[in-house]
């Protein structure tokens, strides 16, 4: 069904289409039987898909990557579509509008997107309240859905004060999310990727780890990295994970690279590139980190997953879980079930 309407959707601005589709998806799920129909079409329930990673039990290993549900509006709908976990955000302490529009571009010939959204979100308080409401009202069928909180800094916050923004988001979300992701790898906030350097990154992660205990409870903290890091920088990442004892890595975010794109008219647009052009590089990063660390920490694989085979390749390279974003947009919700079926048969 999705493949039939996709050509029509792709005639319009991608950001407007995103809000149109998600708004109507919420409406559909409010109709009597709407959520049940979503689960019937898209969800695959099978105990063999369950997986325990960094102390959390995932009902299946396919998750929604950050960026799709920035403001925690779609958790119930994404659960009904069959995702095993949903990562909201990136959220910042204060609301911010993001970069000027247009700021998202489709590259259909490359099955890719370029975005320079700029952490547009309603602020961490809104996200925290929505997640708390979801948890209060979640139906039994959605029990066990893992929710991650992807956190970042506000654009106006200087890098030397960035740790304070991460603390604010961490403290506010602590009681409502299952794990955290520290995002220092988006190319769309000026200077943010400078925080991937070893010294500032160690400061942020060590500071959060010191706060990571509340009433005897701690939350797994993961780091999301760029695909554009050199092997020497990836070696530093392995060292940082082992020194700070965070739970793991998400590999990878979008790339600033533009190699071999077919859509020449858009290749000069600034922002992060996602989709099929990232498939190979993200898998290379996963494999490198897994080999260098001797599998000592979990990796969530994301980047260019457009088929069940892409997902299994990342798992074989060392990923414990996988996430979808651009592939979800191009292939539709059926991709989730197809990946889970492939995992069961692999």
Foldseek 3Di string as FASTA:
>chain_A
DCVVCLVVLVVDQVVVSLVVVQVVLVVQCVPVCSLVVLLVPAADQDCVQWDAALRAIFRHQEEADEPSAAQLPCQSSVVSNHHREYEYHQAWAAADQFDDPPAKDDQVVLLKMFGLRGRHYHHLLRSQVNLVVCVVPPDPVSPRHAYEYEYFYHLPDDLVCGLVGVVSNCVSNVVRHQAYEYEQAWPNRPPSVVCLPQVNVLVSLLVVLVVQADPNHGHAYEYEHALPDDLVSLLSVLVSCVVSVGAYYEFYDFYQDQPPRPRVVCSPDGTGMFAQVFLVSSLVSLLSNCVSNVLPHAYEGETHPQALVSQVSSVVSGHPHYYDDSSCSVRPSNRSVRNRVVVVVD
